[in-house]
Amino acid sequence: MNTTMSTSTYNWLTIAEPVNDIEQVIDQRDFFRLKLSSSDPLDACVVLENGESHTMEILNISASGIYCKTTAEHNFMQETKLTAFFVLPLHEPLILKIPCRLVEVKCHPVEQNTLIRLRFLPSLEMHNQEMIHRFIITRQLQELRTENTY
């Protein structure tokens, strides 16, 4: 079901709702989520079905998906199947290629950007899921160490 809602700041468009209540619970509870700082950003290259690609800043990440910001002008509503490419900066950097679907688009005309929520498809390999968790935990530990030194 597609719903559209407008506020003074954002135009919200939900592209796809969770398939069922279980998917929504899994997305919210079973995976660690990390909000990335603007001082240490992580970028993704998102490739549309037609081969067109866009670079986006990942705002937060979990093993179920990513939330990104882009200034690209494209009608993302028409593209539902995407592939996200990004590098996890672990001890040995890991390049991930993950098929995903577009879940939500928020257009912010004042700041001239678009916020996009992508959900990884169930075909995400368990190894890649574990590496995303490792990245999140490593980054959280780094932040705790930084906070404790002040």
C-alpha atoms as a PDB file:
ATOM      1  CA  MET A   1       0.000   0.000   0.000  1.00  0.00           C
ATOM      2  CA  ASN A   2       1.468   3.356  -0.994  1.00  0.00           C
ATOM      3  CA  THR A   3       0.755   6.332   1.250  1.00  0.00           C
ATOM      4  CA  THR A   4       1.721   9.949   0.802  1.00  0.00           C
ATOM      5  CA  MET A   5       1.916  12.537   3.544  1.00  0.00           C
ATOM      6  CA  SER A   6       3.238  16.114   3.456  1.00  0.00           C
ATOM      7  CA  THR A   7       4.682  18.260   6.207  1.00  0.00           C
ATOM      8  CA  SER A   8       6.239  21.693   6.019  1.00  0.00           C
ATOM      9  CA  THR A   9       9.746  20.246   5.839  1.00  0.00           C
ATOM     10  CA  TYR A  10       9.534  16.810   4.233  1.00  0.00           C
ATOM     11  CA  ASN A  11       7.463  15.127   1.593  1.00  0.00           C
ATOM     12  CA  TRP A  12       7.074  11.534   2.777  1.00  0.00           C
ATOM     13  CA  LEU A  13       6.364   8.633   0.500  1.00  0.00           C
ATOM     14  CA  THR A  14       6.266   5.064   1.712  1.00  0.00           C
ATOM     15  CA  ILE A  15       7.122   2.832  -1.217  1.00  0.00           C
ATOM     16  CA  ALA A  16       6.642  -0.560   0.369  1.00  0.00           C
ATOM     17  CA  GLU A  17       5.414  -1.493   3.774  1.00  0.00           C
ATOM     18  CA  PRO A  18       6.752  -4.526   5.641  1.00  0.00           C
ATOM     19  CA  VAL A  19       5.501  -7.735   4.104  1.00  0.00           C
ATOM     20  CA  ASN A  20       4.067  -8.731   7.446  1.00  0.00           C
ATOM     21  CA  ASP A  21       4.300  -7.920  11.145  1.00  0.00           C
ATOM     22  CA  ILE A  22       7.169 -10.385  11.589  1.00  0.00           C
ATOM     23  CA  GLU A  23       9.347  -8.510   9.068  1.00  0.00           C
ATOM     24  CA  GLN A  24       8.762  -5.253  10.935  1.00  0.00           C
ATOM     25  CA  VAL A  25       9.651  -6.832  14.308  1.00  0.00           C
ATOM     26  CA  ILE A  26      12.808  -8.423  12.860  1.00  0.00           C
ATOM     27  CA  ASP A  27      13.871  -5.103  11.351  1.00  0.00           C
ATOM     28  CA  GLN A  28      13.469  -3.302  14.666  1.00  0.00           C
ATOM     29  CA  ARG A  29      14.681  -5.883  17.155  1.00  0.00           C
ATOM     30  CA  ASP A  30      17.024  -8.506  15.753  1.00  0.00           C
ATOM     31  CA  PHE A  31      19.776  -6.286  14.353  1.00  0.00           C
ATOM     32  CA  PHE A  32      22.139  -3.721  15.790  1.00  0.00           C
ATOM     33  CA  ARG A  33      21.774  -0.311  14.154  1.00  0.00           C
ATOM     34  CA  LEU A  34      24.500   2.311  13.995  1.00  0.00           C
ATOM     35  CA  LYS A  35      24.017   5.996  13.328  1.00  0.00           C
ATOM     36  CA  LEU A  36      27.115   7.165  11.462  1.00  0.00           C
ATOM     37  CA  SER A  37      28.726  10.478  12.309  1.00  0.00           C
ATOM     38  CA  SER A  38      29.237  13.117   9.650  1.00  0.00           C
ATOM     39  CA  SER A  39      32.889  13.336  10.711  1.00  0.00           C
ATOM     40  CA  ASP A  40      33.491   9.715   9.683  1.00  0.00           C
ATOM     41  CA  PRO A  41      31.006   9.045   6.859  1.00  0.00           C
ATOM     42  CA  LEU A  42      30.380   5.870   4.932  1.00  0.00           C
ATOM     43  CA  ASP A  43      29.300   6.140   1.292  1.00  0.00           C
ATOM     44  CA  ALA A  44      27.325   3.747  -0.871  1.00  0.00           C
ATOM     45  CA  CYS A  45      26.931   3.477  -4.598  1.00  0.00           C
ATOM     46  CA  VAL A  46      23.338   2.548  -5.346  1.00  0.00           C
ATOM     47  CA  VAL A  47      22.693   1.094  -8.789  1.00  0.00           C
ATOM     48  CA  LEU A  48      19.183   1.213 -10.231  1.00  0.00           C
ATOM     49  CA  GLU A  49      17.655  -1.480 -12.434  1.00  0.00           C
ATOM     50  CA  ASN A  50      18.428   0.579 -15.546  1.00  0.00           C
ATOM     51  CA  GLY A  51      22.162   0.695 -14.639  1.00  0.00           C
ATOM     52  CA  GLU A  52      22.127   4.304 -13.470  1.00  0.00           C
ATOM     53  CA  SER A  53      24.169   4.803 -10.292  1.00  0.00           C
ATOM     54  CA  HIS A  54      24.098   7.342  -7.467  1.00  0.00           C
ATOM     55  CA  THR A  55      26.541   7.980  -4.647  1.00  0.00           C
ATOM     56  CA  MET A  56      24.851   8.360  -1.290  1.00  0.00           C
ATOM     57  CA  GLU A  57      25.980   9.035   2.248  1.00  0.00           C
ATOM     58  CA  ILE A  58      24.920   6.265   4.634  1.00  0.00           C
ATOM     59  CA  LEU A  59      23.325   7.855   7.697  1.00  0.00           C
ATOM     60  CA  ASN A  60      22.695   4.605   9.544  1.00  0.00           C
ATOM     61  CA  ILE A  61      23.253   0.938   8.916  1.00  0.00           C
ATOM     62  CA  SER A  62      22.060  -2.406  10.234  1.00  0.00           C
ATOM     63  CA  ALA A  63      22.139  -5.944   8.907  1.00  0.00           C
ATOM     64  CA  SER A  64      18.610  -5.381   7.597  1.00  0.00           C
ATOM     65  CA  GLY A  65      19.289  -2.229   5.589  1.00  0.00           C
ATOM     66  CA  ILE A  66      20.689   1.267   5.246  1.00  0.00           C
ATOM     67  CA  TYR A  67      19.319   4.790   5.472  1.00  0.00           C
ATOM     68  CA  CYS A  68      20.989   7.167   3.008  1.00  0.00           C
ATOM     69  CA  LYS A  69      21.084  10.801   1.947  1.00  0.00           C
ATOM     70  CA  THR A  70      21.590  11.945  -1.621  1.00  0.00           C
ATOM     71  CA  THR A  71      21.409  15.161  -3.582  1.00  0.00           C
ATOM     72  CA  ALA A  72      20.810  13.271  -6.830  1.00  0.00           C
ATOM     73  CA  GLU A  73      17.760  14.248  -8.767  1.00  0.00           C
ATOM     74  CA  HIS A  74      16.009  11.038  -9.714  1.00  0.00           C
ATOM     75  CA  ASN A  75      12.510   9.702  -9.371  1.00  0.00           C
ATOM     76  CA  PHE A  76      13.357   6.881  -6.986  1.00  0.00           C
ATOM     77  CA  MET A  77       9.681   5.974  -6.696  1.00  0.00           C
ATOM     78  CA  GLN A  78       9.824   4.164 -10.024  1.00  0.00           C
ATOM     79  CA  GLU A  79      12.821   2.015  -9.120  1.00  0.00           C
ATOM     80  CA  THR A  80      12.122  -0.600  -6.493  1.00  0.00           C
ATOM     81  CA  LYS A  81      14.939  -3.107  -7.083  1.00  0.00           C
ATOM     82  CA  LEU A  82      18.376  -1.697  -6.378  1.00  0.00           C
ATOM     83  CA  THR A  83      21.873  -2.913  -5.621  1.00  0.00           C
ATOM     84  CA  ALA A  84      23.938  -1.206  -2.933  1.00  0.00           C
ATOM     85  CA  PHE A  85      27.742  -1.299  -3.075  1.00  0.00           C
ATOM     86  CA  PHE A  86      29.760  -0.088  -0.094  1.00  0.00           C
ATOM     87  CA  VAL A  87      32.979  -0.800   1.758  1.00  0.00           C
ATOM     88  CA  LEU A  88      33.026  -1.747   5.416  1.00  0.00           C
ATOM     89  CA  PRO A  89      36.237  -0.257   6.865  1.00  0.00           C
ATOM     90  CA  LEU A  90      37.237  -3.242   8.984  1.00  0.00           C
ATOM     91  CA  HIS A  91      40.790  -4.442   9.700  1.00  0.00           C
ATOM     92  CA  GLU A  92      40.697  -5.729   6.126  1.00  0.00           C
ATOM     93  CA  PRO A  93      38.204  -3.605   4.147  1.00  0.00           C
ATOM     94  CA  LEU A  94      35.258  -5.609   2.850  1.00  0.00           C
ATOM     95  CA  ILE A  95      33.418  -4.626  -0.333  1.00  0.00           C
ATOM     96  CA  LEU A  96      29.747  -5.549  -0.171  1.00  0.00           C
ATOM     97  CA  LYS A  97      27.321  -5.875  -3.083  1.00  0.00           C
ATOM     98  CA  ILE A  98      23.837  -6.258  -1.654  1.00  0.00           C
ATOM     99  CA  PRO A  99      20.537  -6.470  -3.537  1.00  0.00           C
ATOM    100  CA  CYS A 100      17.879  -4.399  -1.799  1.00  0.00           C
ATOM    101  CA  ARG A 101      14.491  -2.833  -2.230  1.00  0.00           C
ATOM    102  CA  LEU A 102      13.400   0.737  -1.822  1.00  0.00           C
ATOM    103  CA  VAL A 103      11.198   1.122   1.245  1.00  0.00           C
ATOM    104  CA  GLU A 104      10.894   4.843   1.817  1.00  0.00           C
ATOM    105  CA  VAL A 105      11.765   8.173   0.208  1.00  0.00           C
ATOM    106  CA  LYS A 106      11.723  11.538   2.003  1.00  0.00           C
ATOM    107  CA  CYS A 107      12.313  14.630  -0.134  1.00  0.00           C
ATOM    108  CA  HIS A 108      13.607  17.716   1.674  1.00  0.00           C
ATOM    109  CA  PRO A 109      13.213  20.660  -0.716  1.00  0.00           C
ATOM    110  CA  VAL A 110      14.709  23.241   1.669  1.00  0.00           C
ATOM    111  CA  GLU A 111      17.999  21.359   2.107  1.00  0.00           C
ATOM    112  CA  GLN A 112      17.779  20.014  -1.453  1.00  0.00           C
ATOM    113  CA  ASN A 113      18.385  16.396  -0.540  1.00  0.00           C
ATOM    114  CA  THR A 114      16.534  13.109  -0.486  1.00  0.00           C
ATOM    115  CA  LEU A 115      16.565  10.561   2.326  1.00  0.00           C
ATOM    116  CA  ILE A 116      16.183   6.954   1.239  1.00  0.00           C
ATOM    117  CA  ARG A 117      15.605   3.792   3.283  1.00  0.00           C
ATOM    118  CA  LEU A 118      16.753   0.566   1.640  1.00  0.00           C
ATOM    119  CA  ARG A 119      15.984  -2.882   3.007  1.00  0.00           C
ATOM    120  CA  PHE A 120      18.375  -5.691   2.139  1.00  0.00           C
ATOM    121  CA  LEU A 121      16.731  -8.641   0.426  1.00  0.00           C
ATOM    122  CA  PRO A 122      16.585 -11.964   2.284  1.00  0.00           C
ATOM    123  CA  SER A 123      19.275 -13.268  -0.067  1.00  0.00           C
ATOM    124  CA  LEU A 124      21.879 -11.352   2.005  1.00  0.00           C
ATOM    125  CA  GLU A 125      24.541 -13.923   2.897  1.00  0.00           C
ATOM    126  CA  MET A 126      24.946 -14.736   6.587  1.00  0.00           C
ATOM    127  CA  HIS A 127      28.675 -13.934   6.345  1.00  0.00           C
ATOM    128  CA  ASN A 128      27.910 -10.404   5.104  1.00  0.00           C
ATOM    129  CA  GLN A 129      25.311  -9.963   7.828  1.00  0.00           C
ATOM    130  CA  GLU A 130      27.881 -10.975  10.439  1.00  0.00           C
ATOM    131  CA  MET A 131      30.455  -8.579   8.970  1.00  0.00           C
ATOM    132  CA  ILE A 132      27.966  -5.710   9.189  1.00  0.00           C
ATOM    133  CA  HIS A 133      27.361  -6.606  12.852  1.00  0.00           C
ATOM    134  CA  ARG A 134      31.125  -6.713  13.445  1.00  0.00           C
ATOM    135  CA  PHE A 135      31.521  -3.267  11.870  1.00  0.00           C
ATOM    136  CA  ILE A 136      28.710  -1.840  14.031  1.00  0.00           C
ATOM    137  CA  ILE A 137      30.105  -3.273  17.258  1.00  0.00           C
ATOM    138  CA  THR A 138      33.650  -2.156  16.412  1.00  0.00           C
ATOM    139  CA  ARG A 139      32.451   1.377  15.656  1.00  0.00           C
ATOM    140  CA  GLN A 140      30.377   1.506  18.870  1.00  0.00           C
ATOM    141  CA  LEU A 141      33.377   0.391  20.935  1.00  0.00           C
ATOM    142  CA  GLN A 142      35.518   3.096  19.291  1.00  0.00           C
ATOM    143  CA  GLU A 143      32.912   5.710  20.205  1.00  0.00           C
ATOM    144  CA  LEU A 144      32.784   4.484  23.814  1.00  0.00           C
ATOM    145  CA  ARG A 145      36.572   4.633  24.093  1.00  0.00           C
ATOM    146  CA  THR A 146      36.563   8.168  22.687  1.00  0.00           C
ATOM    147  CA  GLU A 147      33.855   9.283  25.135  1.00  0.00           C
ATOM    148  CA  ASN A 148      35.733   7.750  28.088  1.00  0.00           C
ATOM    149  CA  THR A 149      38.971   9.587  27.293  1.00  0.00           C
ATOM    150  CA  TYR A 150      37.341  12.998  27.842  1.00  0.00           C
END
